[in-house]
Each structure stands twice: as structure tokens, then as C-alpha cells.
Amino acid sequence: MISNEEKIKTALDGHKKALEDFPVKDVQKIAETIASALKNGNKLLICGNGGSCSDSQHFAGEIVGRFQMERPGLPAIALTADSAVMTCLGNDYGYEMAFARQVQALGNKGDVFVGISTSGNSANVVKAAESAREKGLTVIAFTGMKDAKLHQICDLAFRSPSAVTATIQEMHITAIHIICGIIENMLFC
């Protein structure tokens, strides 16, 4: 059995490696793209499953509320947050269409869609990205490093520099926080 101390050391070493390989230029481009859309009166639509669902809601909260400065709210919607809509769409159209149908209803040309999927292959996130592409939204993917279906659809991608699911998710939230800080800096400083 591996000691708890060794488990901690291994996890932290994985984080150090991921941070060393962190795709800074991709994060900067994503932040600039979202800030530009928000400045032009567009909105952000975000989705994901499981831990990525939580990340999508966290991202929307930081944009609508605030991240590090008091400022006016900005338009962002976590497509995961309305349980009545999610269960209606899942029941009527199947779970694979639960996010895509919302993109069809809420998305407009110039908006930004963010799909968060550690594998990059979650069927409902991929279908939502396809719907976003069809409607003229900018499509951004948050994934792991492996090539994935979302990469074939997206305009920009943050590929978390790890193969470990937990580390991928932790790098996603790190990138999201950095992006929120850049957005506030670009729009309100």
C-alpha cells in the first residue's frame, strides 16, 4: 500500500508538471475572445457533465456575479443549472440533446459557447458544440490533452496538460479563474 504522504507527493508532482506545461497563450486567447464578445453585448453559454457541470456553473457565477472586483454583472448562462429544463429535454429529446436544444433556443450569432469535457467526447457536449457552430457562436472547448471530437468543432481549446482526470479538472478551474481575471481587467480597468 502507498502511504498517504506518497499519495500527496505524487498528486502535487502531477500538478507541478501540469502547471509547467500550462498553455498560457491558449488561455490568453480564450479570455480575449470572451471579453470581446461580452464587450459587444453578447453572452456566454457554458455546459459540462459531472465535475465539469460544476465548473460550468462556477464559471457562469464568476461572470454574472464577480470574480475579484466589484463591477456590473455580465451575461453568462450555465446550461446545466435549470433542472426543469434539463429533465424536460432529457425526457422529450434524450440526454444527448439536453444542451444542444438550449443552445438552439438561447444562442445567437456572436455569443460564445464553452463546452467542458475531460474526455472531449461527451456526446451531449459535442452535440451542443455542433448546434453552436450551426448558429454562428464561437465554440471553445475545455478538455484533456488527447485528441477528441470537440477539437474538430471548436475555434479555440484549452487542453489540460495531464492525462489524470482530477488534474484535468483542476487545471480547468485554474484556467477559468485566470480567464475571469483577464476579462475583468480588459473590461473594467
N, C-alpha and C. Protein backbone atom coordinates (compact mmCIF):
# COMPACT_ATOMS: atom_id res chain seq x y z
N MET A 1 0.84 -1.19 0.00
CA MET A 1 0.00 0.00 0.00
C MET A 1 0.88 1.25 0.00
N ILE A 2 0.49 2.23 -0.76
CA ILE A 2 1.20 3.51 -0.83
C ILE A 2 0.80 4.35 0.37
N SER A 3 1.75 5.00 0.99
CA SER A 3 1.45 5.83 2.15
C SER A 3 0.68 7.08 1.72
N ASN A 4 -0.04 7.65 2.66
CA ASN A 4 -0.77 8.89 2.38
C ASN A 4 0.19 10.00 1.97
N GLU A 5 1.34 10.05 2.61
CA GLU A 5 2.34 11.06 2.27
C GLU A 5 2.80 10.91 0.82
N GLU A 6 3.00 9.67 0.38
CA GLU A 6 3.42 9.42 -1.00
C GLU A 6 2.30 9.78 -1.98
N LYS A 7 1.03 9.49 -1.62
CA LYS A 7 -0.10 9.89 -2.47
C LYS A 7 -0.14 11.40 -2.65
N ILE A 8 0.09 12.13 -1.56
CA ILE A 8 0.10 13.59 -1.63
C ILE A 8 1.22 14.07 -2.53
N LYS A 9 2.42 13.52 -2.33
CA LYS A 9 3.58 13.92 -3.12
C LYS A 9 3.34 13.64 -4.61
N THR A 10 2.78 12.49 -4.93
CA THR A 10 2.50 12.13 -6.32
C THR A 10 1.50 13.10 -6.94
N ALA A 11 0.44 13.43 -6.19
CA ALA A 11 -0.57 14.37 -6.70
C ALA A 11 0.05 15.75 -6.94
N LEU A 12 0.84 16.23 -6.01
CA LEU A 12 1.45 17.55 -6.16
C LEU A 12 2.47 17.57 -7.29
N ASP A 13 3.19 16.47 -7.47
CA ASP A 13 4.13 16.39 -8.60
C ASP A 13 3.39 16.46 -9.92
N GLY A 14 2.22 15.81 -10.00
CA GLY A 14 1.40 15.88 -11.21
C GLY A 14 0.92 17.29 -11.48
N HIS A 15 0.55 18.01 -10.43
CA HIS A 15 0.13 19.39 -10.57
C HIS A 15 1.28 20.28 -11.03
N LYS A 16 2.45 20.08 -10.45
CA LYS A 16 3.63 20.87 -10.84
C LYS A 16 3.90 20.69 -12.33
N LYS A 17 3.85 19.45 -12.79
CA LYS A 17 4.10 19.16 -14.21
C LYS A 17 3.04 19.83 -15.09
N ALA A 18 1.78 19.71 -14.67
CA ALA A 18 0.70 20.34 -15.45
C ALA A 18 0.87 21.85 -15.51
N LEU A 19 1.27 22.46 -14.41
CA LEU A 19 1.48 23.91 -14.39
C LEU A 19 2.68 24.32 -15.24
N GLU A 20 3.71 23.51 -15.25
CA GLU A 20 4.87 23.79 -16.10
C GLU A 20 4.49 23.77 -17.58
N ASP A 21 3.55 22.90 -17.94
CA ASP A 21 3.12 22.75 -19.34
C ASP A 21 1.84 23.53 -19.65
N PHE A 22 1.40 24.36 -18.73
CA PHE A 22 0.15 25.10 -18.86
C PHE A 22 0.14 25.94 -20.14
N PRO A 23 -0.89 25.80 -21.00
CA PRO A 23 -0.94 26.51 -22.28
C PRO A 23 -1.37 27.98 -22.13
N VAL A 24 -0.43 28.80 -21.71
CA VAL A 24 -0.68 30.20 -21.40
C VAL A 24 -1.29 30.96 -22.58
N LYS A 25 -0.73 30.79 -23.77
CA LYS A 25 -1.23 31.53 -24.93
C LYS A 25 -2.67 31.16 -25.27
N ASP A 26 -3.03 29.89 -25.08
CA ASP A 26 -4.41 29.47 -25.34
C ASP A 26 -5.36 30.13 -24.34
N VAL A 27 -4.97 30.18 -23.08
CA VAL A 27 -5.81 30.81 -22.06
C VAL A 27 -5.98 32.29 -22.37
N GLN A 28 -4.91 32.94 -22.76
CA GLN A 28 -4.97 34.37 -23.11
C GLN A 28 -5.92 34.60 -24.28
N LYS A 29 -5.83 33.80 -25.32
CA LYS A 29 -6.68 33.95 -26.50
C LYS A 29 -8.16 33.69 -26.14
N ILE A 30 -8.41 32.69 -25.33
CA ILE A 30 -9.78 32.39 -24.90
C ILE A 30 -10.35 33.57 -24.11
N ALA A 31 -9.57 34.09 -23.17
CA ALA A 31 -10.03 35.22 -22.36
C ALA A 31 -10.32 36.44 -23.24
N GLU A 32 -9.44 36.73 -24.18
CA GLU A 32 -9.62 37.89 -25.06
C GLU A 32 -10.86 37.71 -25.94
N THR A 33 -11.10 36.49 -26.40
CA THR A 33 -12.27 36.21 -27.24
C THR A 33 -13.56 36.40 -26.46
N ILE A 34 -13.61 35.87 -25.25
CA ILE A 34 -14.81 36.01 -24.42
C ILE A 34 -15.02 37.47 -24.04
N ALA A 35 -13.95 38.16 -23.65
CA ALA A 35 -14.08 39.57 -23.26
C ALA A 35 -14.60 40.41 -24.43
N SER A 36 -14.11 40.15 -25.62
CA SER A 36 -14.56 40.88 -26.80
C SER A 36 -16.05 40.65 -27.05
N ALA A 37 -16.48 39.40 -26.94
CA ALA A 37 -17.90 39.09 -27.14
C ALA A 37 -18.76 39.79 -26.09
N LEU A 38 -18.35 39.73 -24.83
CA LEU A 38 -19.11 40.38 -23.77
C LEU A 38 -19.14 41.89 -23.97
N LYS A 39 -18.03 42.48 -24.37
CA LYS A 39 -17.97 43.92 -24.62
C LYS A 39 -18.94 44.33 -25.72
N ASN A 40 -19.15 43.42 -26.69
CA ASN A 40 -20.05 43.70 -27.82
C ASN A 40 -21.51 43.35 -27.52
N GLY A 41 -21.82 43.05 -26.25
CA GLY A 41 -23.19 42.79 -25.86
C GLY A 41 -23.66 41.36 -26.03
N ASN A 42 -22.72 40.46 -26.30
CA ASN A 42 -23.07 39.05 -26.44
C ASN A 42 -22.98 38.33 -25.10
N LYS A 43 -23.34 37.06 -25.10
CA LYS A 43 -23.36 36.29 -23.86
C LYS A 43 -22.53 35.02 -23.98
N LEU A 44 -22.35 34.39 -22.84
CA LEU A 44 -21.57 33.17 -22.71
C LEU A 44 -22.53 32.04 -22.32
N LEU A 45 -22.51 30.94 -23.07
CA LEU A 45 -23.28 29.73 -22.75
C LEU A 45 -22.28 28.63 -22.41
N ILE A 46 -22.47 27.96 -21.27
CA ILE A 46 -21.47 27.02 -20.77
C ILE A 46 -22.16 25.72 -20.35
N CYS A 47 -21.50 24.57 -20.65
CA CYS A 47 -22.05 23.30 -20.18
C CYS A 47 -20.95 22.27 -19.95
N GLY A 48 -21.31 21.23 -19.24
CA GLY A 48 -20.44 20.10 -18.95
C GLY A 48 -21.20 19.11 -18.09
N ASN A 49 -20.63 17.93 -17.87
CA ASN A 49 -21.25 16.87 -17.07
C ASN A 49 -20.43 16.61 -15.81
N GLY A 50 -21.10 16.18 -14.75
CA GLY A 50 -20.40 15.81 -13.52
C GLY A 50 -19.60 16.96 -12.95
N GLY A 51 -18.29 16.75 -12.72
CA GLY A 51 -17.43 17.82 -12.23
C GLY A 51 -17.38 18.98 -13.18
N SER A 52 -17.47 18.71 -14.47
CA SER A 52 -17.48 19.77 -15.49
C SER A 52 -18.77 20.57 -15.45
N CYS A 53 -19.86 19.93 -15.00
CA CYS A 53 -21.12 20.65 -14.77
C CYS A 53 -20.90 21.68 -13.68
N SER A 54 -20.26 21.26 -12.61
CA SER A 54 -19.97 22.19 -11.51
C SER A 54 -19.08 23.32 -12.00
N ASP A 55 -18.09 22.99 -12.83
CA ASP A 55 -17.21 24.03 -13.37
C ASP A 55 -17.99 25.02 -14.24
N SER A 56 -18.95 24.52 -15.01
CA SER A 56 -19.73 25.42 -15.87
C SER A 56 -20.55 26.39 -15.02
N GLN A 57 -21.11 25.90 -13.93
CA GLN A 57 -21.89 26.77 -13.05
C GLN A 57 -20.98 27.75 -12.31
N HIS A 58 -19.82 27.28 -11.90
CA HIS A 58 -18.84 28.15 -11.24
C HIS A 58 -18.41 29.27 -12.19
N PHE A 59 -18.10 28.93 -13.44
CA PHE A 59 -17.68 29.90 -14.45
C PHE A 59 -18.78 30.96 -14.64
N ALA A 60 -20.02 30.51 -14.82
CA ALA A 60 -21.13 31.46 -15.01
C ALA A 60 -21.30 32.36 -13.79
N GLY A 61 -21.16 31.80 -12.61
CA GLY A 61 -21.28 32.59 -11.39
C GLY A 61 -20.24 33.70 -11.30
N GLU A 62 -19.00 33.37 -11.68
CA GLU A 62 -17.93 34.38 -11.64
C GLU A 62 -18.18 35.49 -12.66
N ILE A 63 -18.80 35.16 -13.80
CA ILE A 63 -19.07 36.15 -14.85
C ILE A 63 -20.29 37.00 -14.49
N VAL A 64 -21.36 36.38 -14.05
CA VAL A 64 -22.58 37.11 -13.72
C VAL A 64 -22.38 37.91 -12.43
N GLY A 65 -21.75 37.30 -11.44
CA GLY A 65 -21.52 37.97 -10.17
C GLY A 65 -20.28 38.84 -10.25
N ARG A 66 -19.21 38.32 -9.73
CA ARG A 66 -17.91 39.00 -9.84
C ARG A 66 -16.84 37.98 -9.54
N PHE A 67 -15.65 38.28 -10.00
CA PHE A 67 -14.50 37.43 -9.67
C PHE A 67 -13.67 38.10 -8.59
N GLN A 68 -12.95 39.16 -8.95
CA GLN A 68 -12.09 39.82 -7.96
C GLN A 68 -12.39 41.31 -7.80
N MET A 69 -13.31 41.85 -8.57
CA MET A 69 -13.61 43.28 -8.44
C MET A 69 -15.11 43.51 -8.52
N GLU A 70 -15.54 44.56 -7.82
CA GLU A 70 -16.93 44.99 -7.94
C GLU A 70 -17.10 45.62 -9.31
N ARG A 71 -18.10 45.16 -10.03
CA ARG A 71 -18.35 45.63 -11.39
C ARG A 71 -19.75 45.22 -11.79
N PRO A 72 -20.28 45.76 -12.88
CA PRO A 72 -21.59 45.32 -13.35
C PRO A 72 -21.56 43.84 -13.74
N GLY A 73 -22.68 43.16 -13.59
CA GLY A 73 -22.78 41.77 -14.00
C GLY A 73 -22.68 41.64 -15.51
N LEU A 74 -22.20 40.49 -15.94
CA LEU A 74 -22.06 40.19 -17.36
C LEU A 74 -22.92 38.96 -17.69
N PRO A 75 -23.42 38.86 -18.93
CA PRO A 75 -24.34 37.76 -19.27
C PRO A 75 -23.64 36.42 -19.52
N ALA A 76 -23.94 35.46 -18.65
CA ALA A 76 -23.44 34.09 -18.80
C ALA A 76 -24.51 33.14 -18.27
N ILE A 77 -24.69 32.03 -18.96
CA ILE A 77 -25.69 31.05 -18.57
C ILE A 77 -25.04 29.67 -18.53
N ALA A 78 -25.15 29.01 -17.38
CA ALA A 78 -24.76 27.61 -17.28
C ALA A 78 -25.96 26.78 -17.73
N LEU A 79 -25.81 26.09 -18.83
CA LEU A 79 -26.92 25.31 -19.39
C LEU A 79 -27.28 24.11 -18.52
N THR A 80 -26.52 23.89 -17.49
CA THR A 80 -26.70 22.76 -16.57
C THR A 80 -27.60 23.11 -15.39
N ALA A 81 -27.90 24.40 -15.20
CA ALA A 81 -28.44 24.86 -13.92
C ALA A 81 -29.96 24.74 -13.75
N ASP A 82 -30.71 24.62 -14.81
CA ASP A 82 -32.16 24.58 -14.71
C ASP A 82 -32.63 23.13 -14.77
N SER A 83 -32.93 22.56 -13.61
CA SER A 83 -33.29 21.14 -13.55
C SER A 83 -34.59 20.83 -14.30
N ALA A 84 -35.53 21.76 -14.31
CA ALA A 84 -36.78 21.52 -15.04
C ALA A 84 -36.52 21.44 -16.54
N VAL A 85 -35.72 22.36 -17.05
CA VAL A 85 -35.39 22.33 -18.48
C VAL A 85 -34.57 21.08 -18.81
N MET A 86 -33.58 20.78 -17.99
CA MET A 86 -32.73 19.60 -18.25
C MET A 86 -33.56 18.31 -18.28
N THR A 87 -34.44 18.14 -17.31
CA THR A 87 -35.22 16.90 -17.27
C THR A 87 -36.28 16.86 -18.37
N CYS A 88 -36.86 18.01 -18.71
CA CYS A 88 -37.81 18.08 -19.83
C CYS A 88 -37.12 17.66 -21.12
N LEU A 89 -35.97 18.27 -21.39
CA LEU A 89 -35.26 17.97 -22.64
C LEU A 89 -34.75 16.55 -22.65
N GLY A 90 -34.25 16.08 -21.52
CA GLY A 90 -33.79 14.70 -21.44
C GLY A 90 -34.92 13.71 -21.71
N ASN A 91 -36.08 14.00 -21.16
CA ASN A 91 -37.24 13.14 -21.34
C ASN A 91 -37.77 13.20 -22.77
N ASP A 92 -37.89 14.40 -23.32
CA ASP A 92 -38.52 14.58 -24.63
C ASP A 92 -37.58 14.33 -25.80
N TYR A 93 -36.30 14.65 -25.63
CA TYR A 93 -35.35 14.57 -26.74
C TYR A 93 -34.18 13.63 -26.51
N GLY A 94 -34.01 13.16 -25.29
CA GLY A 94 -32.86 12.33 -24.93
C GLY A 94 -31.76 13.20 -24.35
N TYR A 95 -31.01 12.61 -23.45
CA TYR A 95 -29.97 13.35 -22.72
C TYR A 95 -28.93 13.95 -23.67
N GLU A 96 -28.69 13.29 -24.79
CA GLU A 96 -27.69 13.81 -25.73
C GLU A 96 -28.07 15.17 -26.28
N MET A 97 -29.35 15.51 -26.26
CA MET A 97 -29.81 16.79 -26.82
C MET A 97 -30.09 17.85 -25.75
N ALA A 98 -29.85 17.54 -24.48
CA ALA A 98 -30.23 18.45 -23.39
C ALA A 98 -29.54 19.80 -23.48
N PHE A 99 -28.29 19.85 -23.90
CA PHE A 99 -27.59 21.13 -24.04
C PHE A 99 -27.79 21.73 -25.43
N ALA A 100 -27.82 20.90 -26.45
CA ALA A 100 -27.95 21.39 -27.83
C ALA A 100 -29.26 22.16 -28.01
N ARG A 101 -30.33 21.63 -27.45
CA ARG A 101 -31.63 22.30 -27.58
C ARG A 101 -31.60 23.68 -26.92
N GLN A 102 -30.90 23.79 -25.80
CA GLN A 102 -30.78 25.09 -25.12
C GLN A 102 -29.94 26.07 -25.96
N VAL A 103 -28.89 25.56 -26.58
CA VAL A 103 -28.08 26.41 -27.47
C VAL A 103 -28.95 26.91 -28.62
N GLN A 104 -29.79 26.03 -29.18
CA GLN A 104 -30.68 26.42 -30.27
C GLN A 104 -31.64 27.52 -29.82
N ALA A 105 -32.11 27.43 -28.57
CA ALA A 105 -33.09 28.38 -28.06
C ALA A 105 -32.46 29.70 -27.59
N LEU A 106 -31.27 29.64 -27.02
CA LEU A 106 -30.69 30.80 -26.35
C LEU A 106 -29.52 31.44 -27.09
N GLY A 107 -28.87 30.69 -27.96
CA GLY A 107 -27.66 31.18 -28.61
C GLY A 107 -27.95 32.07 -29.80
N ASN A 108 -27.13 33.08 -29.95
CA ASN A 108 -27.20 33.99 -31.10
C ASN A 108 -25.81 34.18 -31.69
N LYS A 109 -25.78 34.50 -32.96
CA LYS A 109 -24.50 34.78 -33.62
C LYS A 109 -23.75 35.83 -32.80
N GLY A 110 -22.47 35.58 -32.55
CA GLY A 110 -21.66 36.48 -31.75
C GLY A 110 -21.50 36.04 -30.31
N ASP A 111 -22.41 35.17 -29.83
CA ASP A 111 -22.26 34.62 -28.49
C ASP A 111 -21.10 33.64 -28.46
N VAL A 112 -20.71 33.23 -27.26
CA VAL A 112 -19.64 32.25 -27.09
C VAL A 112 -20.19 31.04 -26.36
N PHE A 113 -19.91 29.86 -26.91
CA PHE A 113 -20.26 28.59 -26.27
C PHE A 113 -18.99 27.98 -25.71
N VAL A 114 -19.05 27.55 -24.45
CA VAL A 114 -17.94 26.84 -23.82
C VAL A 114 -18.42 25.45 -23.43
N GLY A 115 -17.80 24.42 -24.00
CA GLY A 115 -18.09 23.04 -23.66
C GLY A 115 -16.94 22.48 -22.84
N ILE A 116 -17.25 21.99 -21.65
CA ILE A 116 -16.23 21.45 -20.75
C ILE A 116 -16.41 19.94 -20.67
N SER A 117 -15.37 19.20 -21.07
CA SER A 117 -15.42 17.74 -21.08
C SER A 117 -14.01 17.20 -20.92
N THR A 118 -13.74 16.48 -19.84
CA THR A 118 -12.38 15.99 -19.63
C THR A 118 -11.93 15.09 -20.77
N SER A 119 -12.85 14.30 -21.31
CA SER A 119 -12.50 13.42 -22.44
C SER A 119 -12.55 14.16 -23.77
N GLY A 120 -13.37 15.21 -23.83
CA GLY A 120 -13.60 15.91 -25.09
C GLY A 120 -14.56 15.18 -26.00
N ASN A 121 -15.17 14.12 -25.50
CA ASN A 121 -16.05 13.29 -26.31
C ASN A 121 -17.45 13.10 -25.73
N SER A 122 -17.81 13.84 -24.70
CA SER A 122 -19.15 13.71 -24.11
C SER A 122 -20.19 14.04 -25.17
N ALA A 123 -21.06 13.07 -25.47
CA ALA A 123 -21.99 13.21 -26.59
C ALA A 123 -22.85 14.45 -26.50
N ASN A 124 -23.38 14.77 -25.31
CA ASN A 124 -24.27 15.93 -25.21
C ASN A 124 -23.51 17.25 -25.34
N VAL A 125 -22.24 17.29 -24.92
CA VAL A 125 -21.43 18.49 -25.08
C VAL A 125 -21.03 18.66 -26.55
N VAL A 126 -20.70 17.56 -27.21
CA VAL A 126 -20.35 17.60 -28.63
C VAL A 126 -21.55 18.08 -29.45
N LYS A 127 -22.74 17.55 -29.17
CA LYS A 127 -23.93 17.98 -29.91
C LYS A 127 -24.23 19.46 -29.67
N ALA A 128 -24.02 19.92 -28.46
CA ALA A 128 -24.22 21.35 -28.17
C ALA A 128 -23.22 22.19 -28.95
N ALA A 129 -21.98 21.73 -29.03
CA ALA A 129 -20.96 22.46 -29.80
C ALA A 129 -21.34 22.51 -31.28
N GLU A 130 -21.87 21.41 -31.79
CA GLU A 130 -22.32 21.39 -33.18
C GLU A 130 -23.45 22.39 -33.41
N SER A 131 -24.40 22.44 -32.46
CA SER A 131 -25.50 23.41 -32.56
C SER A 131 -24.98 24.84 -32.50
N ALA A 132 -24.00 25.07 -31.63
CA ALA A 132 -23.40 26.40 -31.51
C ALA A 132 -22.72 26.79 -32.82
N ARG A 133 -22.00 25.87 -33.42
CA ARG A 133 -21.31 26.13 -34.70
C ARG A 133 -22.34 26.50 -35.76
N GLU A 134 -23.45 25.74 -35.82
CA GLU A 134 -24.50 26.00 -36.82
C GLU A 134 -25.13 27.37 -36.65
N LYS A 135 -25.22 27.86 -35.41
CA LYS A 135 -25.86 29.16 -35.13
C LYS A 135 -24.87 30.32 -35.20
N GLY A 136 -23.59 30.07 -35.44
CA GLY A 136 -22.62 31.16 -35.57
C GLY A 136 -21.99 31.61 -34.27
N LEU A 137 -22.05 30.78 -33.24
CA LEU A 137 -21.38 31.10 -31.99
C LEU A 137 -19.91 30.73 -32.10
N THR A 138 -19.06 31.42 -31.36
CA THR A 138 -17.67 30.98 -31.21
C THR A 138 -17.69 29.79 -30.28
N VAL A 139 -17.00 28.72 -30.64
CA VAL A 139 -17.00 27.48 -29.85
C VAL A 139 -15.64 27.30 -29.19
N ILE A 140 -15.68 27.17 -27.86
CA ILE A 140 -14.47 26.96 -27.07
C ILE A 140 -14.63 25.65 -26.31
N ALA A 141 -13.57 24.84 -26.32
CA ALA A 141 -13.57 23.56 -25.61
C ALA A 141 -12.55 23.57 -24.49
N PHE A 142 -12.94 23.01 -23.36
CA PHE A 142 -12.02 22.71 -22.26
C PHE A 142 -11.97 21.19 -22.16
N THR A 143 -10.80 20.61 -22.43
CA THR A 143 -10.66 19.16 -22.50
C THR A 143 -9.35 18.72 -21.84
N GLY A 144 -9.07 17.42 -21.99
CA GLY A 144 -7.75 16.90 -21.66
C GLY A 144 -6.85 17.02 -22.89
N MET A 145 -5.69 16.39 -22.83
CA MET A 145 -4.70 16.52 -23.91
C MET A 145 -5.03 15.67 -25.14
N LYS A 146 -5.68 14.52 -24.93
CA LYS A 146 -5.92 13.60 -26.05
C LYS A 146 -6.81 14.24 -27.12
N ASP A 147 -6.55 13.90 -28.38
CA ASP A 147 -7.41 14.36 -29.46
C ASP A 147 -8.83 13.88 -29.20
N ALA A 148 -9.79 14.73 -29.52
CA ALA A 148 -11.18 14.43 -29.18
C ALA A 148 -12.12 15.06 -30.20
N LYS A 149 -13.37 14.62 -30.16
CA LYS A 149 -14.39 15.13 -31.08
C LYS A 149 -14.58 16.64 -30.95
N LEU A 150 -14.53 17.17 -29.73
CA LEU A 150 -14.70 18.62 -29.54
C LEU A 150 -13.64 19.42 -30.28
N HIS A 151 -12.44 18.88 -30.39
CA HIS A 151 -11.35 19.60 -31.07
C HIS A 151 -11.65 19.79 -32.56
N GLN A 152 -12.46 18.92 -33.14
CA GLN A 152 -12.80 19.04 -34.55
C GLN A 152 -13.85 20.12 -34.81
N ILE A 153 -14.52 20.56 -33.75
CA ILE A 153 -15.62 21.51 -33.86
C ILE A 153 -15.24 22.90 -33.37
N CYS A 154 -14.34 22.96 -32.40
CA CYS A 154 -14.10 24.22 -31.70
C CYS A 154 -13.21 25.19 -32.47
N ASP A 155 -13.36 26.46 -32.11
CA ASP A 155 -12.48 27.52 -32.63
C ASP A 155 -11.22 27.63 -31.78
N LEU A 156 -11.40 27.44 -30.48
CA LEU A 156 -10.30 27.54 -29.51
C LEU A 156 -10.44 26.41 -28.50
N ALA A 157 -9.30 25.96 -27.97
CA ALA A 157 -9.34 24.90 -26.97
C ALA A 157 -8.32 25.13 -25.88
N PHE A 158 -8.74 24.82 -24.66
CA PHE A 158 -7.82 24.69 -23.55
C PHE A 158 -7.68 23.19 -23.32
N ARG A 159 -6.52 22.66 -23.65
CA ARG A 159 -6.22 21.24 -23.44
C ARG A 159 -5.41 21.12 -22.17
N SER A 160 -6.07 20.63 -21.14
CA SER A 160 -5.40 20.50 -19.85
C SER A 160 -4.19 19.57 -19.99
N PRO A 161 -3.02 20.02 -19.56
CA PRO A 161 -1.79 19.25 -19.77
C PRO A 161 -1.61 18.10 -18.79
N SER A 162 -2.53 17.14 -18.83
CA SER A 162 -2.48 15.96 -17.97
C SER A 162 -3.36 14.87 -18.56
N ALA A 163 -3.07 13.65 -18.17
CA ALA A 163 -3.92 12.52 -18.55
C ALA A 163 -4.76 12.05 -17.36
N VAL A 164 -4.59 12.66 -16.20
CA VAL A 164 -5.30 12.29 -14.98
C VAL A 164 -6.56 13.15 -14.87
N THR A 165 -7.71 12.50 -14.80
CA THR A 165 -8.98 13.22 -14.80
C THR A 165 -9.04 14.31 -13.74
N ALA A 166 -8.67 14.00 -12.51
CA ALA A 166 -8.73 15.00 -11.44
C ALA A 166 -7.84 16.21 -11.76
N THR A 167 -6.65 15.96 -12.28
CA THR A 167 -5.74 17.06 -12.61
C THR A 167 -6.28 17.86 -13.79
N ILE A 168 -6.88 17.18 -14.76
CA ILE A 168 -7.50 17.88 -15.88
C ILE A 168 -8.54 18.86 -15.34
N GLN A 169 -9.40 18.39 -14.45
CA GLN A 169 -10.44 19.25 -13.89
C GLN A 169 -9.85 20.40 -13.08
N GLU A 170 -8.80 20.13 -12.33
CA GLU A 170 -8.18 21.17 -11.52
C GLU A 170 -7.51 22.22 -12.39
N MET A 171 -6.94 21.82 -13.51
CA MET A 171 -6.36 22.80 -14.44
C MET A 171 -7.46 23.58 -15.15
N HIS A 172 -8.61 22.94 -15.39
CA HIS A 172 -9.74 23.67 -15.97
C HIS A 172 -10.15 24.82 -15.07
N ILE A 173 -10.33 24.56 -13.77
CA ILE A 173 -10.78 25.63 -12.88
C ILE A 173 -9.70 26.68 -12.70
N THR A 174 -8.43 26.28 -12.76
CA THR A 174 -7.34 27.25 -12.72
C THR A 174 -7.42 28.17 -13.94
N ALA A 175 -7.60 27.58 -15.12
CA ALA A 175 -7.73 28.37 -16.34
C ALA A 175 -8.96 29.27 -16.28
N ILE A 176 -10.07 28.77 -15.80
CA ILE A 176 -11.30 29.55 -15.69
C ILE A 176 -11.08 30.77 -14.80
N HIS A 177 -10.42 30.58 -13.67
CA HIS A 177 -10.15 31.72 -12.79
C HIS A 177 -9.24 32.75 -13.46
N ILE A 178 -8.22 32.29 -14.15
CA ILE A 178 -7.33 33.22 -14.86
C ILE A 178 -8.12 33.99 -15.92
N ILE A 179 -8.96 33.27 -16.66
CA ILE A 179 -9.78 33.90 -17.71
C ILE A 179 -10.70 34.96 -17.11
N CYS A 180 -11.33 34.65 -15.98
CA CYS A 180 -12.21 35.63 -15.34
C CYS A 180 -11.44 36.88 -14.93
N GLY A 181 -10.24 36.70 -14.42
CA GLY A 181 -9.41 37.85 -14.05
C GLY A 181 -9.03 38.70 -15.25
N ILE A 182 -8.69 38.05 -16.34
CA ILE A 182 -8.34 38.80 -17.57
C ILE A 182 -9.55 39.54 -18.10
N ILE A 183 -10.71 38.90 -18.09
CA ILE A 183 -11.94 39.55 -18.57
C ILE A 183 -12.22 40.81 -17.75
N GLU A 184 -12.15 40.69 -16.43
CA GLU A 184 -12.39 41.88 -15.59
C GLU A 184 -11.36 42.97 -15.89
N ASN A 185 -10.12 42.58 -16.04
CA ASN A 185 -9.06 43.55 -16.34
C ASN A 185 -9.32 44.25 -17.68
N MET A 186 -9.68 43.47 -18.69
CA MET A 186 -9.90 44.05 -20.02
C MET A 186 -11.13 44.95 -20.07
N LEU A 187 -12.18 44.60 -19.36
CA LEU A 187 -13.44 45.33 -19.48
C LEU A 187 -13.65 46.44 -18.44
N PHE A 188 -12.93 46.36 -17.33
CA PHE A 188 -13.23 47.30 -16.23
C PHE A 188 -12.04 48.04 -15.65
N CYS A 189 -10.84 47.85 -16.21
CA CYS A 189 -9.69 48.58 -15.68
C CYS A 189 -9.21 49.63 -16.68
